[in-house]
Amino acid sequence: MNRFRDVVAESKVQLEEDTVDGARAEDADGDPDSPPTVTATQTWTFNQYWNYVDIVLDELREEAWTTTTSTEAAEEFVRV
């Protein structure tokens, strides 16, 4: 599940960068006493979403093969 965690971490970093950029824009234009707001959100494209799903499924299958001893057990592990 390492690649899954990497994708989540990258998304979190991007969101934080967007928040900081939004806060800078807010500070330049608005009241300095007001809390910063998020002005940009992370939107995934169709391909990014399915690549993410593929990563998660690959990691699940890999974990199933390393923790089970038979094909049937690995298939059951993935189904659950």
Protein backbone atom coordinates (compact mmCIF):
# COMPACT_ATOMS: atom_id res chain seq x y z
CA MET A 1 0.00 0.00 0.00
CA ASN A 2 3.03 2.28 -0.30
CA ARG A 3 2.05 3.70 -3.69
CA PHE A 4 -1.44 4.39 -2.33
CA ARG A 5 0.08 6.35 0.53
CA ASP A 6 2.32 8.23 -1.91
CA VAL A 7 -0.68 9.28 -4.00
CA VAL A 8 -2.55 10.46 -0.91
CA ALA A 9 0.52 12.35 0.34
CA GLU A 10 1.04 14.03 -3.04
CA SER A 11 -2.62 15.06 -3.13
CA LYS A 12 -2.35 16.47 0.40
CA VAL A 13 0.78 18.46 -0.51
CA GLN A 14 -0.94 19.85 -3.61
CA LEU A 15 -3.98 20.86 -1.56
CA GLU A 16 -1.76 22.57 1.03
CA GLU A 17 0.08 24.45 -1.74
CA ASP A 18 -3.24 25.55 -3.19
CA THR A 19 -4.34 26.68 0.28
CA VAL A 20 -1.16 28.69 0.79
CA ASP A 21 -1.50 30.29 -2.65
CA GLY A 22 -5.14 31.09 -1.88
CA ALA A 23 -4.17 32.54 1.49
CA ARG A 24 -1.58 34.80 -0.17
CA ALA A 25 -4.16 36.02 -2.66
CA GLU A 26 -6.65 36.57 0.17
CA ASP A 27 -4.10 38.49 2.24
CA ALA A 28 -3.21 40.72 -0.69
CA ASP A 29 -6.82 41.54 -1.53
CA GLY A 30 -8.80 41.23 1.67
CA ASP A 31 -8.80 41.82 5.37
CA PRO A 32 -5.55 40.61 6.98
CA ASP A 33 -7.47 39.55 10.11
CA SER A 34 -9.75 37.15 8.22
CA PRO A 35 -8.77 33.48 8.07
CA PRO A 36 -7.45 32.22 4.73
CA THR A 37 -9.83 30.23 2.57
CA VAL A 38 -9.17 27.53 0.02
CA THR A 39 -9.72 29.02 -3.41
CA ALA A 40 -8.55 26.06 -5.50
CA THR A 41 -9.43 22.39 -5.26
CA GLN A 42 -7.75 19.30 -6.62
CA THR A 43 -9.75 17.91 -9.52
CA TRP A 44 -8.70 14.58 -10.94
CA THR A 45 -9.00 13.84 -14.62
CA PHE A 46 -10.61 10.65 -15.80
CA ASN A 47 -7.21 9.02 -16.44
CA GLN A 48 -5.79 10.11 -13.08
CA TYR A 49 -8.74 8.52 -11.29
CA TRP A 50 -8.38 5.18 -13.07
CA ASN A 51 -4.60 5.19 -12.62
CA TYR A 52 -5.22 5.66 -8.90
CA VAL A 53 -7.69 2.76 -8.87
CA ASP A 54 -5.17 0.58 -10.72
CA ILE A 55 -2.48 1.40 -8.15
CA VAL A 56 -4.75 0.46 -5.25
CA LEU A 57 -5.84 -2.80 -6.91
CA ASP A 58 -2.25 -3.75 -7.79
CA GLU A 59 -1.19 -3.23 -4.20
CA LEU A 60 -4.16 -5.23 -2.94
CA ARG A 61 -3.29 -8.13 -5.26
CA GLU A 62 0.37 -7.97 -4.25
CA GLU A 63 -0.57 -8.08 -0.57
CA ALA A 64 -2.91 -11.00 -1.25
CA TRP A 65 -0.13 -13.01 -2.88
CA THR A 66 2.34 -12.31 -0.07
CA THR A 67 -0.06 -13.15 2.77
CA THR A 68 -1.76 -16.24 1.36
CA THR A 69 -0.53 -19.64 0.23
CA SER A 70 -2.89 -20.53 -2.60
CA THR A 71 -4.60 -18.95 -5.57
CA GLU A 72 -8.02 -19.54 -4.06
CA ALA A 73 -7.03 -17.89 -0.79
CA ALA A 74 -5.56 -14.90 -2.66
CA GLU A 75 -8.77 -14.50 -4.66
CA GLU A 76 -10.83 -14.62 -1.48
CA PHE A 77 -8.50 -12.06 0.15
CA VAL A 78 -9.08 -9.66 -2.74
CA ARG A 79 -12.85 -10.16 -2.68
CA VAL A 80 -13.14 -9.31 0.99
